[in-house]
Amino acid sequence: MFFGHNHGDSWQILYVPDDYVRPVPFSGPSGTNGSAHNPSFRVYTVDGGHSEATCTVLDMETYNMNMTLANLEGGRPEYALRYKAQESYGTPASLDSLVVAMATDAELFRTFLRYFCCSF
């Protein structure tokens, strides 16, 4: 289980204490609309349920609700898939190199900012 949240669509990278090499993405967007963000949640796909399970995060899917549309007359709260991390950034196992790459790849960093900023 993953706990914790940020009031924007961001993530943190923690490392498995045994080797400090394998990154573990952690934290999700907030289910509330605090800080002028739309309510969001994240679903993690984890390698598990078999005898060789590593409990490694394989993918993250982020969903959000557009509060403006939900509050229109006749509107209702609907969550929609915002993005899948693997499609947008590569595998979670490569998040360490992803963060390093964002420091020099402006387009990649803009992709991250688009998801972070547009969660409002």
PDB file of N, CA and C in Angstrom:
ATOM      1  N   MET A   1       0.847  -1.175   0.000  1.00  0.00           N
ATOM      2  CA  MET A   1       0.000   0.000   0.000  1.00  0.00           C
ATOM      3  C   MET A   1       0.889   1.234   0.000  1.00  0.00           C
ATOM      4  N   PHE A   2       0.398   2.255  -0.664  1.00  0.00           N
ATOM      5  CA  PHE A   2       1.107   3.524  -0.711  1.00  0.00           C
ATOM      6  C   PHE A   2       0.255   4.570  -0.014  1.00  0.00           C
ATOM      7  N   PHE A   3       0.879   5.376   0.798  1.00  0.00           N
ATOM      8  CA  PHE A   3       0.167   6.420   1.508  1.00  0.00           C
ATOM      9  C   PHE A   3       0.866   7.742   1.271  1.00  0.00           C
ATOM     10  N   GLY A   4       0.135   8.812   1.476  1.00  0.00           N
ATOM     11  CA  GLY A   4       0.687  10.143   1.319  1.00  0.00           C
ATOM     12  C   GLY A   4       0.200  10.765   0.034  1.00  0.00           C
ATOM     13  N   HIS A   5       0.282  12.074  -0.029  1.00  0.00           N
ATOM     14  CA  HIS A   5      -0.111  12.766  -1.240  1.00  0.00           C
ATOM     15  C   HIS A   5       0.521  14.142  -1.281  1.00  0.00           C
ATOM     16  N   ASN A   6       0.499  14.716  -2.453  1.00  0.00           N
ATOM     17  CA  ASN A   6       0.888  16.105  -2.668  1.00  0.00           C
ATOM     18  C   ASN A   6      -0.330  16.795  -3.258  1.00  0.00           C
ATOM     19  N   HIS A   7      -0.390  18.096  -3.154  1.00  0.00           N
ATOM     20  CA  HIS A   7      -1.538  18.807  -3.719  1.00  0.00           C
ATOM     21  C   HIS A   7      -1.302  19.193  -5.167  1.00  0.00           C
ATOM     22  N   GLY A   8      -0.408  18.521  -5.815  1.00  0.00           N
ATOM     23  CA  GLY A   8      -0.192  18.653  -7.246  1.00  0.00           C
ATOM     24  C   GLY A   8       0.120  17.265  -7.768  1.00  0.00           C
ATOM     25  N   ASP A   9       0.236  17.131  -9.058  1.00  0.00           N
ATOM     26  CA  ASP A   9       0.562  15.826  -9.625  1.00  0.00           C
ATOM     27  C   ASP A   9       2.077  15.699  -9.695  1.00  0.00           C
ATOM     28  N   SER A  10       2.637  15.235  -8.641  1.00  0.00           N
ATOM     29  CA  SER A  10       4.087  15.046  -8.598  1.00  0.00           C
ATOM     30  C   SER A  10       4.366  13.686  -7.978  1.00  0.00           C
ATOM     31  N   TRP A  11       5.610  13.303  -7.956  1.00  0.00           N
ATOM     32  CA  TRP A  11       5.984  12.052  -7.335  1.00  0.00           C
ATOM     33  C   TRP A  11       7.363  12.205  -6.725  1.00  0.00           C
ATOM     34  N   GLN A  12       7.651  11.326  -5.818  1.00  0.00           N
ATOM     35  CA  GLN A  12       8.949  11.293  -5.163  1.00  0.00           C
ATOM     36  C   GLN A  12       9.591   9.965  -5.514  1.00  0.00           C
ATOM     37  N   ILE A  13      10.887   9.944  -5.518  1.00  0.00           N
ATOM     38  CA  ILE A  13      11.597   8.686  -5.752  1.00  0.00           C
ATOM     39  C   ILE A  13      12.347   8.332  -4.482  1.00  0.00           C
ATOM     40  N   LEU A  14      11.993   7.192  -3.941  1.00  0.00           N
ATOM     41  CA  LEU A  14      12.698   6.638  -2.787  1.00  0.00           C
ATOM     42  C   LEU A  14      13.456   5.415  -3.282  1.00  0.00           C
ATOM     43  N   TYR A  15      14.402   4.957  -2.494  1.00  0.00           N
ATOM     44  CA  TYR A  15      15.197   3.807  -2.915  1.00  0.00           C
ATOM     45  C   TYR A  15      15.086   2.676  -1.918  1.00  0.00           C
ATOM     46  N   VAL A  16      15.114   1.456  -2.430  1.00  0.00           N
ATOM     47  CA  VAL A  16      15.073   0.271  -1.586  1.00  0.00           C
ATOM     48  C   VAL A  16      16.333   0.287  -0.714  1.00  0.00           C
ATOM     49  N   PRO A  17      16.182   0.239   0.615  1.00  0.00           N
ATOM     50  CA  PRO A  17      17.344   0.357   1.503  1.00  0.00           C
ATOM     51  C   PRO A  17      18.423  -0.704   1.310  1.00  0.00           C
ATOM     52  N   ASP A  18      18.046  -1.870   0.782  1.00  0.00           N
ATOM     53  CA  ASP A  18      19.035  -2.939   0.632  1.00  0.00           C
ATOM     54  C   ASP A  18      20.102  -2.625  -0.408  1.00  0.00           C
ATOM     55  N   ASP A  19      19.739  -1.870  -1.445  1.00  0.00           N
ATOM     56  CA  ASP A  19      20.728  -1.652  -2.500  1.00  0.00           C
ATOM     57  C   ASP A  19      20.855  -0.190  -2.945  1.00  0.00           C
ATOM     58  N   TYR A  20      19.940   0.663  -2.549  1.00  0.00           N
ATOM     59  CA  TYR A  20      19.948   2.078  -2.933  1.00  0.00           C
ATOM     60  C   TYR A  20      20.121   2.277  -4.434  1.00  0.00           C
ATOM     61  N   VAL A  21      19.683   1.313  -5.210  1.00  0.00           N
ATOM     62  CA  VAL A  21      19.770   1.400  -6.658  1.00  0.00           C
ATOM     63  C   VAL A  21      18.372   1.368  -7.265  1.00  0.00           C
ATOM     64  N   ARG A  22      17.523   0.499  -6.748  1.00  0.00           N
ATOM     65  CA  ARG A  22      16.188   0.330  -7.322  1.00  0.00           C
ATOM     66  C   ARG A  22      15.253   1.424  -6.805  1.00  0.00           C
ATOM     67  N   PRO A  23      14.832   2.348  -7.690  1.00  0.00           N
ATOM     68  CA  PRO A  23      13.933   3.413  -7.254  1.00  0.00           C
ATOM     69  C   PRO A  23      12.509   2.910  -7.074  1.00  0.00           C
ATOM     70  N   VAL A  24      11.829   3.493  -6.106  1.00  0.00           N
ATOM     71  CA  VAL A  24      10.436   3.166  -5.848  1.00  0.00           C
ATOM     72  C   VAL A  24       9.647   4.472  -5.898  1.00  0.00           C
ATOM     73  N   PRO A  25       8.816   4.666  -6.936  1.00  0.00           N
ATOM     74  CA  PRO A  25       8.027   5.892  -6.975  1.00  0.00           C
ATOM     75  C   PRO A  25       7.007   5.885  -5.849  1.00  0.00           C
ATOM     76  N   PHE A  26       6.769   7.015  -5.272  1.00  0.00           N
ATOM     77  CA  PHE A  26       5.902   7.086  -4.114  1.00  0.00           C
ATOM     78  C   PHE A  26       5.189   8.429  -4.108  1.00  0.00           C
ATOM     79  N   SER A  27       4.038   8.453  -3.537  1.00  0.00           N
ATOM     80  CA  SER A  27       3.226   9.628  -3.325  1.00  0.00           C
ATOM     81  C   SER A  27       2.312   9.841  -4.515  1.00  0.00           C
ATOM     82  N   GLY A  28       1.172  10.344  -4.240  1.00  0.00           N
ATOM     83  CA  GLY A  28       0.215  10.570  -5.306  1.00  0.00           C
ATOM     84  C   GLY A  28      -0.431  11.924  -5.174  1.00  0.00           C
ATOM     85  N   PRO A  29      -1.191  12.307  -6.163  1.00  0.00           N
ATOM     86  CA  PRO A  29      -1.902  13.571  -6.078  1.00  0.00           C
ATOM     87  C   PRO A  29      -3.019  13.477  -5.041  1.00  0.00           C
ATOM     88  N   SER A  30      -3.546  14.594  -4.661  1.00  0.00           N
ATOM     89  CA  SER A  30      -4.551  14.654  -3.615  1.00  0.00           C
ATOM     90  C   SER A  30      -5.947  14.343  -4.137  1.00  0.00           C
ATOM     91  N   GLY A  31      -6.728  13.677  -3.312  1.00  0.00           N
ATOM     92  CA  GLY A  31      -8.120  13.402  -3.641  1.00  0.00           C
ATOM     93  C   GLY A  31      -9.025  14.590  -3.371  1.00  0.00           C
ATOM     94  N   THR A  32      -8.451  15.672  -2.840  1.00  0.00           N
ATOM     95  CA  THR A  32      -9.229  16.889  -2.590  1.00  0.00           C
ATOM     96  C   THR A  32      -8.834  17.951  -3.605  1.00  0.00           C
ATOM     97  N   ASN A  33      -9.568  19.035  -3.624  1.00  0.00           N
ATOM     98  CA  ASN A  33      -9.233  20.111  -4.553  1.00  0.00           C
ATOM     99  C   ASN A  33      -8.506  21.255  -3.862  1.00  0.00           C
ATOM    100  N   GLY A  34      -7.810  20.975  -2.771  1.00  0.00           N
ATOM    101  CA  GLY A  34      -7.026  21.994  -2.093  1.00  0.00           C
ATOM    102  C   GLY A  34      -5.961  22.569  -3.011  1.00  0.00           C
ATOM    103  N   SER A  35      -5.522  23.761  -2.725  1.00  0.00           N
ATOM    104  CA  SER A  35      -4.482  24.447  -3.504  1.00  0.00           C
ATOM    105  C   SER A  35      -4.894  24.645  -4.958  1.00  0.00           C
ATOM    106  N   ALA A  36      -6.179  24.718  -5.231  1.00  0.00           N
ATOM    107  CA  ALA A  36      -6.727  24.985  -6.564  1.00  0.00           C
ATOM    108  C   ALA A  36      -6.442  23.873  -7.571  1.00  0.00           C
ATOM    109  N   HIS A  37      -6.156  22.673  -7.107  1.00  0.00           N
ATOM    110  CA  HIS A  37      -5.944  21.537  -7.998  1.00  0.00           C
ATOM    111  C   HIS A  37      -7.225  20.721  -8.097  1.00  0.00           C
ATOM    112  N   ASN A  38      -7.393  20.039  -9.209  1.00  0.00           N
ATOM    113  CA  ASN A  38      -8.515  19.123  -9.349  1.00  0.00           C
ATOM    114  C   ASN A  38      -8.248  17.870  -8.526  1.00  0.00           C
ATOM    115  N   PRO A  39      -9.288  17.254  -7.969  1.00  0.00           N
ATOM    116  CA  PRO A  39      -9.105  15.993  -7.244  1.00  0.00           C
ATOM    117  C   PRO A  39      -8.512  14.934  -8.183  1.00  0.00           C
ATOM    118  N   SER A  40      -7.551  14.199  -7.682  1.00  0.00           N
ATOM    119  CA  SER A  40      -6.864  13.199  -8.494  1.00  0.00           C
ATOM    120  C   SER A  40      -6.514  11.997  -7.631  1.00  0.00           C
ATOM    121  N   PHE A  41      -6.221  10.897  -8.284  1.00  0.00           N
ATOM    122  CA  PHE A  41      -5.704   9.731  -7.578  1.00  0.00           C
ATOM    123  C   PHE A  41      -4.815   8.949  -8.531  1.00  0.00           C
ATOM    124  N   ARG A  42      -3.994   8.078  -7.967  1.00  0.00           N
ATOM    125  CA  ARG A  42      -3.048   7.298  -8.762  1.00  0.00           C
ATOM    126  C   ARG A  42      -3.224   5.821  -8.441  1.00  0.00           C
ATOM    127  N   VAL A  43      -3.145   4.995  -9.478  1.00  0.00           N
ATOM    128  CA  VAL A  43      -3.205   3.545  -9.335  1.00  0.00           C
ATOM    129  C   VAL A  43      -1.836   2.985  -9.709  1.00  0.00           C
ATOM    130  N   TYR A  44      -1.265   2.207  -8.817  1.00  0.00           N
ATOM    131  CA  TYR A  44       0.037   1.591  -9.066  1.00  0.00           C
ATOM    132  C   TYR A  44      -0.165   0.145  -9.499  1.00  0.00           C
ATOM    133  N   THR A  45       0.540  -0.279 -10.527  1.00  0.00           N
ATOM    134  CA  THR A  45       0.596  -1.681 -10.920  1.00  0.00           C
ATOM    135  C   THR A  45       1.902  -2.224 -10.363  1.00  0.00           C
ATOM    136  N   VAL A  46       1.804  -3.274  -9.561  1.00  0.00           N
ATOM    137  CA  VAL A  46       2.964  -3.804  -8.845  1.00  0.00           C
ATOM    138  C   VAL A  46       3.173  -5.271  -9.228  1.00  0.00           C
ATOM    139  N   ASP A  47       4.425  -5.664  -9.365  1.00  0.00           N
ATOM    140  CA  ASP A  47       4.759  -7.062  -9.634  1.00  0.00           C
ATOM    141  C   ASP A  47       4.484  -7.866  -8.369  1.00  0.00           C
ATOM    142  N   GLY A  48       3.399  -8.626  -8.382  1.00  0.00           N
ATOM    143  CA  GLY A  48       3.044  -9.394  -7.199  1.00  0.00           C
ATOM    144  C   GLY A  48       2.101 -10.530  -7.548  1.00  0.00           C
ATOM    145  N   GLY A  49       1.728 -11.277  -6.545  1.00  0.00           N
ATOM    146  CA  GLY A  49       0.761 -12.345  -6.719  1.00  0.00           C
ATOM    147  C   GLY A  49       1.333 -13.638  -7.258  1.00  0.00           C
ATOM    148  N   HIS A  50       2.649 -13.788  -7.226  1.00  0.00           N
ATOM    149  CA  HIS A  50       3.276 -15.043  -7.666  1.00  0.00           C
ATOM    150  C   HIS A  50       4.530 -15.279  -6.821  1.00  0.00           C
ATOM    151  N   SER A  51       5.055 -16.474  -6.864  1.00  0.00           N
ATOM    152  CA  SER A  51       6.148 -16.858  -5.962  1.00  0.00           C
ATOM    153  C   SER A  51       7.436 -16.077  -6.192  1.00  0.00           C
ATOM    154  N   GLU A  52       7.637 -15.538  -7.377  1.00  0.00           N
ATOM    155  CA  GLU A  52       8.855 -14.767  -7.671  1.00  0.00           C
ATOM    156  C   GLU A  52       8.601 -13.257  -7.607  1.00  0.00           C
ATOM    157  N   ALA A  53       7.509 -12.841  -6.973  1.00  0.00           N
ATOM    158  CA  ALA A  53       7.124 -11.427  -6.922  1.00  0.00           C
ATOM    159  C   ALA A  53       8.233 -10.569  -6.325  1.00  0.00           C
ATOM    160  N   THR A  54       8.453  -9.412  -6.940  1.00  0.00           N
ATOM    161  CA  THR A  54       9.467  -8.476  -6.453  1.00  0.00           C
ATOM    162  C   THR A  54       8.839  -7.270  -5.765  1.00  0.00           C
ATOM    163  N   CYS A  55       7.525  -7.121  -5.896  1.00  0.00           N
ATOM    164  CA  CYS A  55       6.800  -5.962  -5.371  1.00  0.00           C
ATOM    165  C   CYS A  55       7.299  -4.661  -5.991  1.00  0.00           C
ATOM    166  N   THR A  56       7.920  -4.757  -7.154  1.00  0.00           N
ATOM    167  CA  THR A  56       8.402  -3.589  -7.885  1.00  0.00           C
ATOM    168  C   THR A  56       7.224  -2.903  -8.564  1.00  0.00           C
ATOM    169  N   VAL A  57       7.208  -1.578  -8.511  1.00  0.00           N
ATOM    170  CA  VAL A  57       6.181  -0.830  -9.218  1.00  0.00           C
ATOM    171  C   VAL A  57       6.474  -0.919 -10.714  1.00  0.00           C
ATOM    172  N   LEU A  58       5.474  -1.370 -11.480  1.00  0.00           N
ATOM    173  CA  LEU A  58       5.635  -1.535 -12.919  1.00  0.00           C
ATOM    174  C   LEU A  58       5.075  -0.357 -13.701  1.00  0.00           C
ATOM    175  N   ASP A  59       4.054   0.268 -13.174  1.00  0.00           N
ATOM    176  CA  ASP A  59       3.452   1.410 -13.863  1.00  0.00           C
ATOM    177  C   ASP A  59       2.601   2.198 -12.875  1.00  0.00           C
ATOM    178  N   MET A  60       2.318   3.440 -13.228  1.00  0.00           N
ATOM    179  CA  MET A  60       1.450   4.298 -12.436  1.00  0.00           C
ATOM    180  C   MET A  60       0.456   4.941 -13.394  1.00  0.00           C
ATOM    181  N   GLU A  61      -0.821   4.904 -13.054  1.00  0.00           N
ATOM    182  CA  GLU A  61      -1.847   5.578 -13.848  1.00  0.00           C
ATOM    183  C   GLU A  61      -2.441   6.679 -12.989  1.00  0.00           C
ATOM    184  N   THR A  62      -2.520   7.873 -13.531  1.00  0.00           N
ATOM    185  CA  THR A  62      -3.041   9.006 -12.792  1.00  0.00           C
ATOM    186  C   THR A  62      -4.365   9.453 -13.403  1.00  0.00           C
ATOM    187  N   TYR A  63      -5.350   9.602 -12.553  1.00  0.00           N
ATOM    188  CA  TYR A  63      -6.696  10.013 -12.950  1.00  0.00           C
ATOM    189  C   TYR A  63      -7.024  11.338 -12.266  1.00  0.00           C
ATOM    190  N   ASN A  64      -7.800  12.190 -12.942  1.00  0.00           N
ATOM    191  CA  ASN A  64      -8.284  13.381 -12.261  1.00  0.00           C
ATOM    192  C   ASN A  64      -9.680  13.755 -12.730  1.00  0.00           C
ATOM    193  N   MET A  65     -10.291  14.644 -11.956  1.00  0.00           N
ATOM    194  CA  MET A  65     -11.638  15.117 -12.241  1.00  0.00           C
ATOM    195  C   MET A  65     -11.566  16.609 -12.530  1.00  0.00           C
ATOM    196  N   ASN A  66     -12.253  17.053 -13.550  1.00  0.00           N
ATOM    197  CA  ASN A  66     -12.322  18.466 -13.880  1.00  0.00           C
ATOM    198  C   ASN A  66     -13.449  19.084 -13.054  1.00  0.00           C
ATOM    199  N   MET A  67     -13.075  19.850 -12.020  1.00  0.00           N
ATOM    200  CA  MET A  67     -14.069  20.442 -11.117  1.00  0.00           C
ATOM    201  C   MET A  67     -14.952  21.456 -11.837  1.00  0.00           C
ATOM    202  N   THR A  68     -14.399  22.169 -12.800  1.00  0.00           N
ATOM    203  CA  THR A  68     -15.188  23.157 -13.533  1.00  0.00           C
ATOM    204  C   THR A  68     -16.350  22.476 -14.238  1.00  0.00           C
ATOM    205  N   LEU A  69     -16.080  21.382 -14.936  1.00  0.00           N
ATOM    206  CA  LEU A  69     -17.143  20.656 -15.629  1.00  0.00           C
ATOM    207  C   LEU A  69     -18.121  20.011 -14.646  1.00  0.00           C
ATOM    208  N   ALA A  70     -17.593  19.478 -13.557  1.00  0.00           N
ATOM    209  CA  ALA A  70     -18.448  18.812 -12.568  1.00  0.00           C
ATOM    210  C   ALA A  70     -19.414  19.794 -11.908  1.00  0.00           C
ATOM    211  N   ASN A  71     -19.013  21.058 -11.802  1.00  0.00           N
ATOM    212  CA  ASN A  71     -19.853  22.050 -11.131  1.00  0.00           C
ATOM    213  C   ASN A  71     -20.797  22.789 -12.065  1.00  0.00           C
ATOM    214  N   LEU A  72     -20.756  22.494 -13.353  1.00  0.00           N
ATOM    215  CA  LEU A  72     -21.724  23.089 -14.270  1.00  0.00           C
ATOM    216  C   LEU A  72     -23.104  22.512 -13.985  1.00  0.00           C
ATOM    217  N   GLU A  73     -24.138  23.264 -14.330  1.00  0.00           N
ATOM    218  CA  GLU A  73     -25.496  22.740 -14.132  1.00  0.00           C
ATOM    219  C   GLU A  73     -25.648  21.441 -14.914  1.00  0.00           C
ATOM    220  N   GLY A  74     -26.063  20.415 -14.245  1.00  0.00           N
ATOM    221  CA  GLY A  74     -26.201  19.102 -14.869  1.00  0.00           C
ATOM    222  C   GLY A  74     -24.895  18.322 -14.899  1.00  0.00           C
ATOM    223  N   GLY A  75     -23.824  18.941 -14.448  1.00  0.00           N
ATOM    224  CA  GLY A  75     -22.525  18.262 -14.428  1.00  0.00           C
ATOM    225  C   GLY A  75     -22.471  17.237 -13.316  1.00  0.00           C
ATOM    226  N   ARG A  76     -21.517  16.357 -13.419  1.00  0.00           N
ATOM    227  CA  ARG A  76     -21.324  15.370 -12.363  1.00  0.00           C
ATOM    228  C   ARG A  76     -19.840  15.038 -12.293  1.00  0.00           C
ATOM    229  N   PRO A  77     -19.396  14.572 -11.143  1.00  0.00           N
ATOM    230  CA  PRO A  77     -17.972  14.234 -11.012  1.00  0.00           C
ATOM    231  C   PRO A  77     -17.618  13.000 -11.834  1.00  0.00           C
ATOM    232  N   GLU A  78     -16.665  13.149 -12.709  1.00  0.00           N
ATOM    233  CA  GLU A  78     -16.185  12.030 -13.517  1.00  0.00           C
ATOM    234  C   GLU A  78     -14.659  12.072 -13.542  1.00  0.00           C
ATOM    235  N   TYR A  79     -14.069  10.952 -13.213  1.00  0.00           N
ATOM    236  CA  TYR A  79     -12.616  10.845 -13.274  1.00  0.00           C
ATOM    237  C   TYR A  79     -12.210  10.290 -14.626  1.00  0.00           C
ATOM    238  N   ALA A  80     -11.125  10.830 -15.168  1.00  0.00           N
ATOM    239  CA  ALA A  80     -10.619  10.376 -16.465  1.00  0.00           C
ATOM    240  C   ALA A  80      -9.118  10.100 -16.344  1.00  0.00           C
ATOM    241  N   LEU A  81      -8.655   9.129 -17.095  1.00  0.00           N
ATOM    242  CA  LEU A  81      -7.225   8.826 -17.117  1.00  0.00           C
ATOM    243  C   LEU A  81      -6.481  10.035 -17.663  1.00  0.00           C
ATOM    244  N   ARG A  82      -5.544  10.531 -16.897  1.00  0.00           N
ATOM    245  CA  ARG A  82      -4.726  11.676 -17.324  1.00  0.00           C
ATOM    246  C   ARG A  82      -3.516  11.181 -18.108  1.00  0.00           C
ATOM    247  N   TYR A  83      -2.815  10.197 -17.538  1.00  0.00           N
ATOM    248  CA  TYR A  83      -1.668   9.615 -18.229  1.00  0.00           C
ATOM    249  C   TYR A  83      -1.222   8.341 -17.531  1.00  0.00           C
ATOM    250  N   LYS A  84      -0.473   7.542 -18.270  1.00  0.00           N
ATOM    251  CA  LYS A  84       0.210   6.367 -17.729  1.00  0.00           C
ATOM    252  C   LYS A  84       1.694   6.705 -17.710  1.00  0.00           C
ATOM    253  N   ALA A  85       2.322   6.488 -16.584  1.00  0.00           N
ATOM    254  CA  ALA A  85       3.728   6.860 -16.435  1.00  0.00           C
ATOM    255  C   ALA A  85       4.618   6.153 -17.449  1.00  0.00           C
ATOM    256  N   GLN A  86       4.368   4.873 -17.674  1.00  0.00           N
ATOM    257  CA  GLN A  86       5.220   4.117 -18.584  1.00  0.00           C
ATOM    258  C   GLN A  86       5.158   4.684 -20.002  1.00  0.00           C
ATOM    259  N   GLU A  87       3.969   5.078 -20.454  1.00  0.00           N
ATOM    260  CA  GLU A  87       3.832   5.659 -21.789  1.00  0.00           C
ATOM    261  C   GLU A  87       4.465   7.047 -21.871  1.00  0.00           C
ATOM    262  N   SER A  88       4.383   7.807 -20.784  1.00  0.00           N
ATOM    263  CA  SER A  88       4.878   9.180 -20.798  1.00  0.00           C
ATOM    264  C   SER A  88       6.355   9.305 -20.462  1.00  0.00           C
ATOM    265  N   TYR A  89       6.830   8.464 -19.557  1.00  0.00           N
ATOM    266  CA  TYR A  89       8.194   8.608 -19.045  1.00  0.00           C
ATOM    267  C   TYR A  89       9.072   7.377 -19.184  1.00  0.00           C
ATOM    268  N   GLY A  90       8.511   6.227 -19.484  1.00  0.00           N
ATOM    269  CA  GLY A  90       9.277   4.988 -19.461  1.00  0.00           C
ATOM    270  C   GLY A  90       8.942   4.220 -18.199  1.00  0.00           C
ATOM    271  N   THR A  91       9.621   3.132 -17.968  1.00  0.00           N
ATOM    272  CA  THR A  91       9.299   2.282 -16.822  1.00  0.00           C
ATOM    273  C   THR A  91       9.687   2.957 -15.510  1.00  0.00           C
ATOM    274  N   PRO A  92       8.926   2.708 -14.438  1.00  0.00           N
ATOM    275  CA  PRO A  92       9.296   3.267 -13.143  1.00  0.00           C
ATOM    276  C   PRO A  92      10.710   2.887 -12.710  1.00  0.00           C
ATOM    277  N   ALA A  93      11.212   1.746 -13.167  1.00  0.00           N
ATOM    278  CA  ALA A  93      12.581   1.352 -12.813  1.00  0.00           C
ATOM    279  C   ALA A  93      13.599   2.330 -13.386  1.00  0.00           C
ATOM    280  N   SER A  94      13.211   3.088 -14.389  1.00  0.00           N
ATOM    281  CA  SER A  94      14.142   4.041 -14.983  1.00  0.00           C
ATOM    282  C   SER A  94      13.911   5.467 -14.486  1.00  0.00           C
ATOM    283  N   LEU A  95      13.124   5.629 -13.415  1.00  0.00           N
ATOM    284  CA  LEU A  95      12.837   6.967 -12.928  1.00  0.00           C
ATOM    285  C   LEU A  95      14.086   7.705 -12.455  1.00  0.00           C
ATOM    286  N   ASP A  96      15.047   6.981 -11.927  1.00  0.00           N
ATOM    287  CA  ASP A  96      16.289   7.614 -11.494  1.00  0.00           C
ATOM    288  C   ASP A  96      16.961   8.317 -12.674  1.00  0.00           C
ATOM    289  N   SER A  97      17.121   7.609 -13.765  1.00  0.00           N
ATOM    290  CA  SER A  97      17.744   8.217 -14.946  1.00  0.00           C
ATOM    291  C   SER A  97      16.818   9.256 -15.576  1.00  0.00           C
ATOM    292  N   LEU A  98      15.510   9.087 -15.405  1.00  0.00           N
ATOM    293  CA  LEU A  98      14.562  10.063 -15.922  1.00  0.00           C
ATOM    294  C   LEU A  98      14.778  11.431 -15.284  1.00  0.00           C
ATOM    295  N   VAL A  99      14.913  11.456 -13.974  1.00  0.00           N
ATOM    296  CA  VAL A  99      15.121  12.721 -13.271  1.00  0.00           C
ATOM    297  C   VAL A  99      16.416  13.380 -13.726  1.00  0.00           C
ATOM    298  N   VAL A 100      17.452  12.595 -13.898  1.00  0.00           N
ATOM    299  CA  VAL A 100      18.732  13.135 -14.388  1.00  0.00           C
ATOM    300  C   VAL A 100      18.546  13.678 -15.803  1.00  0.00           C
ATOM    301  N   ALA A 101      17.811  12.938 -16.647  1.00  0.00           N
ATOM    302  CA  ALA A 101      17.585  13.375 -18.026  1.00  0.00           C
ATOM    303  C   ALA A 101      16.773  14.668 -18.082  1.00  0.00           C
ATOM    304  N   MET A 102      15.838  14.845 -17.159  1.00  0.00           N
ATOM    305  CA  MET A 102      15.027  16.066 -17.152  1.00  0.00           C
ATOM    306  C   MET A 102      15.877  17.310 -16.949  1.00  0.00           C
ATOM    307  N   ALA A 103      17.019  17.150 -16.312  1.00  0.00           N
ATOM    308  CA  ALA A 103      17.899  18.299 -16.078  1.00  0.00           C
ATOM    309  C   ALA A 103      18.482  18.849 -17.376  1.00  0.00           C
ATOM    310  N   THR A 104      18.563  18.016 -18.408  1.00  0.00           N
ATOM    311  CA  THR A 104      19.167  18.464 -19.666  1.00  0.00           C
ATOM    312  C   THR A 104      18.226  18.387 -20.873  1.00  0.00           C
ATOM    313  N   ASP A 105      17.099  17.708 -20.734  1.00  0.00           N
ATOM    314  CA  ASP A 105      16.162  17.543 -21.851  1.00  0.00           C
ATOM    315  C   ASP A 105      14.930  18.413 -21.593  1.00  0.00           C
ATOM    316  N   ALA A 106      14.901  19.572 -22.212  1.00  0.00           N
ATOM    317  CA  ALA A 106      13.834  20.545 -21.967  1.00  0.00           C
ATOM    318  C   ALA A 106      12.457  19.998 -22.346  1.00  0.00           C
ATOM    319  N   GLU A 107      12.364  19.249 -23.437  1.00  0.00           N
ATOM    320  CA  GLU A 107      11.071  18.705 -23.869  1.00  0.00           C
ATOM    321  C   GLU A 107      10.538  17.699 -22.849  1.00  0.00           C
ATOM    322  N   LEU A 108      11.403  16.857 -22.334  1.00  0.00           N
ATOM    323  CA  LEU A 108      11.010  15.882 -21.319  1.00  0.00           C
ATOM    324  C   LEU A 108      10.530  16.592 -20.056  1.00  0.00           C
ATOM    325  N   PHE A 109      11.246  17.628 -19.659  1.00  0.00           N
ATOM    326  CA  PHE A 109      10.849  18.384 -18.479  1.00  0.00           C
ATOM    327  C   PHE A 109       9.517  19.091 -18.710  1.00  0.00           C
ATOM    328  N   ARG A 110       9.281  19.584 -19.915  1.00  0.00           N
ATOM    329  CA  ARG A 110       7.984  20.210 -20.237  1.00  0.00           C
ATOM    330  C   ARG A 110       6.845  19.194 -20.144  1.00  0.00           C
ATOM    331  N   THR A 111       7.103  17.936 -20.515  1.00  0.00           N
ATOM    332  CA  THR A 111       6.086  16.889 -20.375  1.00  0.00           C
ATOM    333  C   THR A 111       5.704  16.744 -18.911  1.00  0.00           C
ATOM    334  N   PHE A 112       6.705  16.677 -18.042  1.00  0.00           N
ATOM    335  CA  PHE A 112       6.442  16.591 -16.606  1.00  0.00           C
ATOM    336  C   PHE A 112       5.652  17.802 -16.133  1.00  0.00           C
ATOM    337  N   LEU A 113       6.062  19.000 -16.542  1.00  0.00           N
ATOM    338  CA  LEU A 113       5.373  20.221 -16.112  1.00  0.00           C
ATOM    339  C   LEU A 113       3.932  20.263 -16.634  1.00  0.00           C
ATOM    340  N   ARG A 114       3.709  19.779 -17.843  1.00  0.00           N
ATOM    341  CA  ARG A 114       2.357  19.772 -18.395  1.00  0.00           C
ATOM    342  C   ARG A 114       1.434  18.932 -17.511  1.00  0.00           C
ATOM    343  N   TYR A 115       1.882  17.777 -17.071  1.00  0.00           N
ATOM    344  CA  TYR A 115       1.057  16.944 -16.196  1.00  0.00           C
ATOM    345  C   TYR A 115       0.915  17.555 -14.813  1.00  0.00           C
ATOM    346  N   PHE A 116       1.996  18.142 -14.301  1.00  0.00           N
ATOM    347  CA  PHE A 116       1.941  18.751 -12.969  1.00  0.00           C
ATOM    348  C   PHE A 116       1.052  19.987 -12.982  1.00  0.00           C
ATOM    349  N   CYS A 117       1.300  20.888 -13.915  1.00  0.00           N
ATOM    350  CA  CYS A 117       0.555  22.155 -13.945  1.00  0.00           C
ATOM    351  C   CYS A 117      -0.883  21.986 -14.371  1.00  0.00           C
ATOM    352  N   CYS A 118      -1.142  21.043 -15.230  1.00  0.00           N
ATOM    353  CA  CYS A 118      -2.505  20.879 -15.752  1.00  0.00           C
ATOM    354  C   CYS A 118      -3.363  19.999 -14.871  1.00  0.00           C
ATOM    355  N   SER A 119      -2.913  19.699 -13.681  1.00  0.00           N
ATOM    356  CA  SER A 119      -3.769  18.971 -12.760  1.00  0.00           C
ATOM    357  C   SER A 119      -4.663  19.943 -12.004  1.00  0.00           C
ATOM    358  N   PHE A 120      -4.558  21.234 -12.341  1.00  0.00           N
ATOM    359  CA  PHE A 120      -5.382  22.260 -11.696  1.00  0.00           C
ATOM    360  C   PHE A 120      -6.816  22.131 -12.141  1.00  0.00           C
TER     361      PHE A 120
END
